[in-house]
N, C-alpha and C. Protein backbone atom coordinates (compact mmCIF):
# COMPACT_ATOMS: atom_id res chain seq x y z
N MET A 1 45.99 -72.95 -67.42
CA MET A 1 44.91 -72.32 -66.70
C MET A 1 45.09 -70.84 -66.63
N ASN A 2 44.11 -70.04 -66.99
CA ASN A 2 44.23 -68.57 -66.92
C ASN A 2 43.95 -68.13 -65.48
N THR A 3 44.64 -67.06 -65.07
CA THR A 3 44.43 -66.46 -63.75
C THR A 3 43.94 -65.08 -63.91
N THR A 4 42.94 -64.67 -63.13
CA THR A 4 42.39 -63.34 -63.18
C THR A 4 42.30 -62.79 -61.75
N THR A 5 42.23 -61.44 -61.61
CA THR A 5 42.01 -60.83 -60.33
C THR A 5 40.88 -59.86 -60.37
N PHE A 6 40.09 -59.77 -59.30
CA PHE A 6 39.01 -58.83 -59.21
C PHE A 6 39.08 -58.13 -57.84
N ASP A 7 38.82 -56.87 -57.81
CA ASP A 7 38.75 -56.13 -56.52
C ASP A 7 37.32 -56.20 -56.01
N ARG A 8 37.14 -56.69 -54.81
CA ARG A 8 35.85 -56.82 -54.18
C ARG A 8 35.91 -56.08 -52.85
N MET A 9 34.77 -55.81 -52.33
CA MET A 9 34.67 -55.33 -50.93
C MET A 9 33.94 -56.38 -50.14
N ILE A 10 34.53 -56.79 -49.04
CA ILE A 10 33.99 -57.85 -48.22
C ILE A 10 33.79 -57.28 -46.83
N CYS A 11 32.54 -57.40 -46.31
CA CYS A 11 32.23 -56.89 -44.99
C CYS A 11 32.88 -57.77 -43.92
N LYS A 12 33.58 -57.19 -42.97
CA LYS A 12 34.30 -57.93 -41.91
C LYS A 12 33.32 -58.65 -40.97
N THR A 13 32.11 -58.12 -40.86
CA THR A 13 31.13 -58.68 -39.95
C THR A 13 30.27 -59.75 -40.60
N CYS A 14 29.54 -59.36 -41.68
CA CYS A 14 28.60 -60.32 -42.25
C CYS A 14 29.14 -61.06 -43.44
N LYS A 15 30.37 -60.76 -43.88
CA LYS A 15 31.09 -61.51 -44.96
C LYS A 15 30.43 -61.42 -46.33
N THR A 16 29.55 -60.39 -46.51
CA THR A 16 28.99 -60.25 -47.86
C THR A 16 30.00 -59.60 -48.77
N SER A 17 29.93 -59.93 -50.04
CA SER A 17 30.94 -59.45 -51.01
C SER A 17 30.25 -58.84 -52.21
N SER A 18 30.88 -57.83 -52.77
CA SER A 18 30.37 -57.26 -54.06
C SER A 18 31.55 -56.56 -54.73
N ARG A 19 31.39 -56.29 -56.03
CA ARG A 19 32.41 -55.61 -56.77
C ARG A 19 32.50 -54.15 -56.36
N LEU A 20 33.67 -53.53 -56.59
CA LEU A 20 33.82 -52.12 -56.27
C LEU A 20 33.06 -51.30 -57.35
N SER A 21 32.36 -50.28 -56.89
CA SER A 21 31.63 -49.36 -57.81
C SER A 21 32.63 -48.36 -58.32
N ASP A 22 32.25 -47.70 -59.43
CA ASP A 22 33.07 -46.62 -59.94
C ASP A 22 33.24 -45.53 -58.85
N GLY A 23 34.41 -44.98 -58.75
CA GLY A 23 34.68 -43.94 -57.76
C GLY A 23 35.22 -44.44 -56.47
N PHE A 24 35.32 -45.78 -56.31
CA PHE A 24 35.89 -46.36 -55.08
C PHE A 24 37.14 -47.13 -55.41
N ARG A 25 37.98 -47.26 -54.46
CA ARG A 25 39.24 -48.04 -54.64
C ARG A 25 39.64 -48.70 -53.34
N ILE A 26 40.48 -49.67 -53.41
CA ILE A 26 41.03 -50.31 -52.23
C ILE A 26 42.26 -49.55 -51.82
N ASP A 27 42.33 -49.14 -50.58
CA ASP A 27 43.51 -48.48 -50.06
C ASP A 27 44.49 -49.55 -49.56
N TRP A 28 45.45 -49.89 -50.39
CA TRP A 28 46.35 -50.98 -50.08
C TRP A 28 47.44 -50.56 -49.09
N PHE A 29 47.50 -49.30 -48.72
CA PHE A 29 48.53 -48.80 -47.82
C PHE A 29 48.16 -49.04 -46.35
N GLN A 30 46.94 -49.41 -46.09
CA GLN A 30 46.52 -49.67 -44.72
C GLN A 30 46.98 -51.07 -44.35
N VAL A 31 47.18 -51.33 -43.05
CA VAL A 31 47.55 -52.64 -42.58
C VAL A 31 46.48 -53.64 -42.97
N VAL A 32 45.20 -53.24 -42.77
CA VAL A 32 44.08 -54.00 -43.27
C VAL A 32 43.47 -53.17 -44.37
N PRO A 33 43.61 -53.52 -45.64
CA PRO A 33 43.12 -52.68 -46.73
C PRO A 33 41.62 -52.40 -46.55
N ARG A 34 41.27 -51.17 -46.83
CA ARG A 34 39.87 -50.73 -46.74
C ARG A 34 39.40 -50.06 -48.00
N ILE A 35 38.13 -49.99 -48.17
CA ILE A 35 37.54 -49.32 -49.34
C ILE A 35 37.41 -47.83 -49.02
N VAL A 36 37.86 -46.99 -49.98
CA VAL A 36 37.72 -45.53 -49.81
C VAL A 36 37.09 -44.99 -51.06
N ASP A 37 36.43 -43.80 -50.90
CA ASP A 37 35.82 -43.19 -52.04
C ASP A 37 36.84 -42.16 -52.62
N ARG A 38 36.40 -41.40 -53.64
CA ARG A 38 37.33 -40.44 -54.33
C ARG A 38 37.97 -39.46 -53.37
N ALA A 39 37.24 -39.12 -52.29
CA ALA A 39 37.77 -38.15 -51.33
C ALA A 39 38.68 -38.79 -50.31
N GLY A 40 38.85 -40.14 -50.33
CA GLY A 40 39.71 -40.82 -49.40
C GLY A 40 39.02 -41.18 -48.14
N THR A 41 37.72 -41.13 -48.10
CA THR A 41 36.90 -41.42 -46.91
C THR A 41 36.64 -42.94 -46.88
N PHE A 42 36.78 -43.57 -45.69
CA PHE A 42 36.48 -44.96 -45.57
C PHE A 42 34.97 -45.17 -45.74
N VAL A 43 34.61 -46.32 -46.34
CA VAL A 43 33.21 -46.65 -46.63
C VAL A 43 32.70 -47.64 -45.65
N GLN A 44 31.51 -47.35 -45.08
CA GLN A 44 30.91 -48.29 -44.14
C GLN A 44 29.84 -49.15 -44.81
N HIS A 45 29.64 -50.32 -44.29
CA HIS A 45 28.61 -51.23 -44.78
C HIS A 45 27.33 -50.97 -44.02
N ASP A 46 26.22 -51.51 -44.49
CA ASP A 46 24.89 -51.36 -43.84
C ASP A 46 24.89 -51.79 -42.40
N CYS A 47 25.71 -52.76 -42.04
CA CYS A 47 25.73 -53.25 -40.68
C CYS A 47 26.57 -52.34 -39.74
N GLY A 48 27.12 -51.26 -40.30
CA GLY A 48 27.83 -50.26 -39.50
C GLY A 48 29.33 -50.51 -39.42
N ARG A 49 29.81 -51.64 -39.92
CA ARG A 49 31.26 -51.91 -39.95
C ARG A 49 31.89 -51.44 -41.20
N TYR A 50 33.21 -51.33 -41.19
CA TYR A 50 33.91 -50.95 -42.40
C TYR A 50 34.19 -52.13 -43.31
N PHE A 51 34.20 -51.82 -44.63
CA PHE A 51 34.56 -52.85 -45.60
C PHE A 51 36.09 -52.99 -45.56
N ARG A 52 36.58 -54.14 -45.86
CA ARG A 52 37.99 -54.29 -46.10
C ARG A 52 38.21 -54.80 -47.50
N GLY A 53 39.26 -54.38 -48.14
CA GLY A 53 39.50 -54.77 -49.49
C GLY A 53 40.13 -56.15 -49.58
N GLN A 54 39.72 -56.92 -50.58
CA GLN A 54 40.30 -58.22 -50.74
C GLN A 54 40.30 -58.49 -52.24
N ARG A 55 41.47 -58.85 -52.76
CA ARG A 55 41.60 -59.13 -54.17
C ARG A 55 41.28 -60.60 -54.39
N ILE A 56 40.32 -60.86 -55.21
CA ILE A 56 39.91 -62.25 -55.54
C ILE A 56 40.88 -62.79 -56.59
N GLU A 57 41.49 -63.94 -56.30
CA GLU A 57 42.41 -64.61 -57.23
C GLU A 57 41.61 -65.73 -57.89
N GLY A 58 41.24 -65.56 -59.13
CA GLY A 58 40.43 -66.54 -59.84
C GLY A 58 41.26 -67.32 -60.87
N LYS A 59 40.96 -68.61 -60.93
CA LYS A 59 41.61 -69.49 -61.93
C LYS A 59 40.48 -70.11 -62.77
N VAL A 60 40.59 -69.95 -64.07
CA VAL A 60 39.61 -70.48 -64.96
C VAL A 60 39.85 -71.99 -65.15
N SER A 61 38.84 -72.80 -64.87
CA SER A 61 38.96 -74.23 -65.04
C SER A 61 37.62 -74.76 -65.68
N GLU A 62 37.53 -76.04 -65.83
CA GLU A 62 36.35 -76.68 -66.40
C GLU A 62 35.24 -76.86 -65.39
N LYS A 63 35.49 -76.62 -64.09
CA LYS A 63 34.44 -76.79 -63.09
C LYS A 63 33.31 -75.79 -63.32
N GLU A 64 32.06 -76.27 -63.15
CA GLU A 64 30.90 -75.38 -63.28
C GLU A 64 30.88 -74.37 -62.12
N CYS A 65 30.43 -73.16 -62.41
CA CYS A 65 30.30 -72.15 -61.37
C CYS A 65 29.00 -72.40 -60.64
N GLY A 66 29.08 -72.62 -59.33
CA GLY A 66 27.85 -72.98 -58.62
C GLY A 66 27.80 -72.24 -57.27
N GLU A 67 27.07 -72.82 -56.34
CA GLU A 67 26.80 -72.28 -55.05
C GLU A 67 28.09 -72.06 -54.24
N LYS A 68 29.07 -72.97 -54.38
CA LYS A 68 30.32 -72.86 -53.63
C LYS A 68 31.03 -71.56 -54.05
N CYS A 69 31.03 -71.22 -55.32
CA CYS A 69 31.65 -70.02 -55.81
C CYS A 69 30.84 -68.80 -55.43
N GLN A 70 29.57 -68.82 -55.72
CA GLN A 70 28.74 -67.60 -55.54
C GLN A 70 28.49 -67.23 -54.11
N SER A 71 28.67 -68.16 -53.17
CA SER A 71 28.51 -67.79 -51.74
C SER A 71 29.83 -67.73 -51.01
N ALA A 72 30.92 -67.72 -51.75
CA ALA A 72 32.26 -67.79 -51.12
C ALA A 72 32.56 -66.49 -50.39
N THR A 73 33.35 -66.61 -49.31
CA THR A 73 33.80 -65.43 -48.55
C THR A 73 35.32 -65.35 -48.53
N GLY A 74 36.03 -66.32 -49.12
CA GLY A 74 37.47 -66.30 -49.19
C GLY A 74 37.99 -65.72 -50.46
N PRO A 75 39.32 -65.63 -50.61
CA PRO A 75 39.92 -64.94 -51.75
C PRO A 75 40.22 -65.82 -52.97
N ALA A 76 40.00 -67.14 -52.89
CA ALA A 76 40.36 -68.04 -54.00
C ALA A 76 39.16 -68.60 -54.73
N CYS A 77 39.22 -68.68 -56.06
CA CYS A 77 38.15 -69.22 -56.87
C CYS A 77 38.76 -70.01 -57.98
N GLU A 78 38.18 -71.18 -58.26
CA GLU A 78 38.67 -72.01 -59.39
C GLU A 78 37.43 -72.62 -60.03
N CYS A 79 36.93 -72.01 -61.09
CA CYS A 79 35.82 -72.56 -61.83
C CYS A 79 35.72 -71.83 -63.19
N LYS A 80 34.68 -72.05 -63.94
CA LYS A 80 34.56 -71.51 -65.29
C LYS A 80 34.49 -69.96 -65.30
N CYS A 81 34.01 -69.34 -64.23
CA CYS A 81 33.89 -67.84 -64.23
C CYS A 81 35.26 -67.19 -63.93
N GLY A 82 36.20 -67.95 -63.39
CA GLY A 82 37.50 -67.40 -63.07
C GLY A 82 37.49 -66.34 -62.01
N GLY A 83 36.46 -66.29 -61.18
CA GLY A 83 36.37 -65.32 -60.09
C GLY A 83 35.36 -64.19 -60.32
N GLU A 84 34.77 -64.15 -61.55
CA GLU A 84 33.85 -63.09 -61.86
C GLU A 84 32.57 -63.16 -61.02
N ASN A 85 32.10 -64.34 -60.69
CA ASN A 85 30.85 -64.49 -59.90
C ASN A 85 31.16 -64.77 -58.44
N HIS A 86 32.42 -64.75 -58.03
CA HIS A 86 32.87 -65.13 -56.72
C HIS A 86 32.27 -64.21 -55.61
N GLY A 87 31.54 -64.83 -54.70
CA GLY A 87 30.96 -64.06 -53.62
C GLY A 87 29.79 -63.17 -53.93
N CYS A 88 29.22 -63.35 -55.15
CA CYS A 88 28.09 -62.48 -55.55
C CYS A 88 26.76 -63.07 -55.13
């Protein structure tokens, strides 16, 4: 089974997830990793809370990628996409 990792930003309040855009990175030096821009400024979500970084650990398997994967809020994924569609 292949293992992949993806950097996502997950809102601490509403649990929505999306991929990091160009120019943003996860600051892994914080106790709770947060998303920062090129200038090192923390990024806020539409709901006013800060994003926290979470690395998605995906495992490629024969399971079809479905609602369980695409609406996930946790860090683990095991299906055909290997984490690419996780939380989208």
